[in-house]
Amino acid sequence: MSGPGETITFYFDCSSPWTWLGFHNIQPLAEELDVDVDWRPILVGGVFNAVNQSVYEARKAGPNPKARYHGKDLQDWARYSGLEIKMPPSVFPVNSVKVMRACILLKPQGKLVDFATAAFMAYWTDDLDISQDEVVREVCARAGVDADAVMAGIQDPGIKDALRANTDELIARGGFGSPTMFVGDDMYFGNDRLVLVADAVKRARAQ
């Protein structure tokens, strides 16, 4: 497919629970709309460092009414979406660079969705530290991909550069977090904007 109403570009990092919701929920939506999803793995920490350092201050602030509601909202969405998200995970924030490089590596093989789903579940449901090699190997096993090939492939300079390029691209397009979606040049941030993404697809097709 081609054209602004035929593809949703989805920038994501498995280290975000809201991104798992968006990643999970956009798939049936895309099928319903008969639209392609162009998955773009990123490192959201790189985005935060460049344009959204306020995230770090918010983490230090501690419990407050907004943060407590934020946690409730997350669990409401998880229940609605049929996902189990355990908060907080034992390691947070987590270094997701290995699994995000693996997503880059596996995208041309058509295995990105399976691998990313397994990575999200390992971290957010099973409370496994996805920065660790043995956990990445477990994620590979769950996704049905060759762990040795993945562990070797994520060291390839081209894979590293591609992940960095996706991250820089999102920053250049005005993004500030994950998940960020584009329909053409229209940007949408967050799982709760999917209804607007669907509307953008329909409007683009009507033009």
Foldseek 3Di string as FASTA:
>chain_A
DDFLLAEKEKEAFLLDLLQLLQLLVVVVVCVVSVHYYHYAYADLVVLCVVPNVVVVVVVVPDDDVVVVVVVVVSVVSCVVSVHAFDPPAPDPRAPRLLLSLLLLVCVVVVQNSLLSNLSSCCCGPVSDRNVDLVVSLVSCVSSVHDSVCSVVNSVDPVSVVSRHVSHVVCVVLPDRGPTWMGSPSDIDHTSVCVVVVSVSSVVRVVD
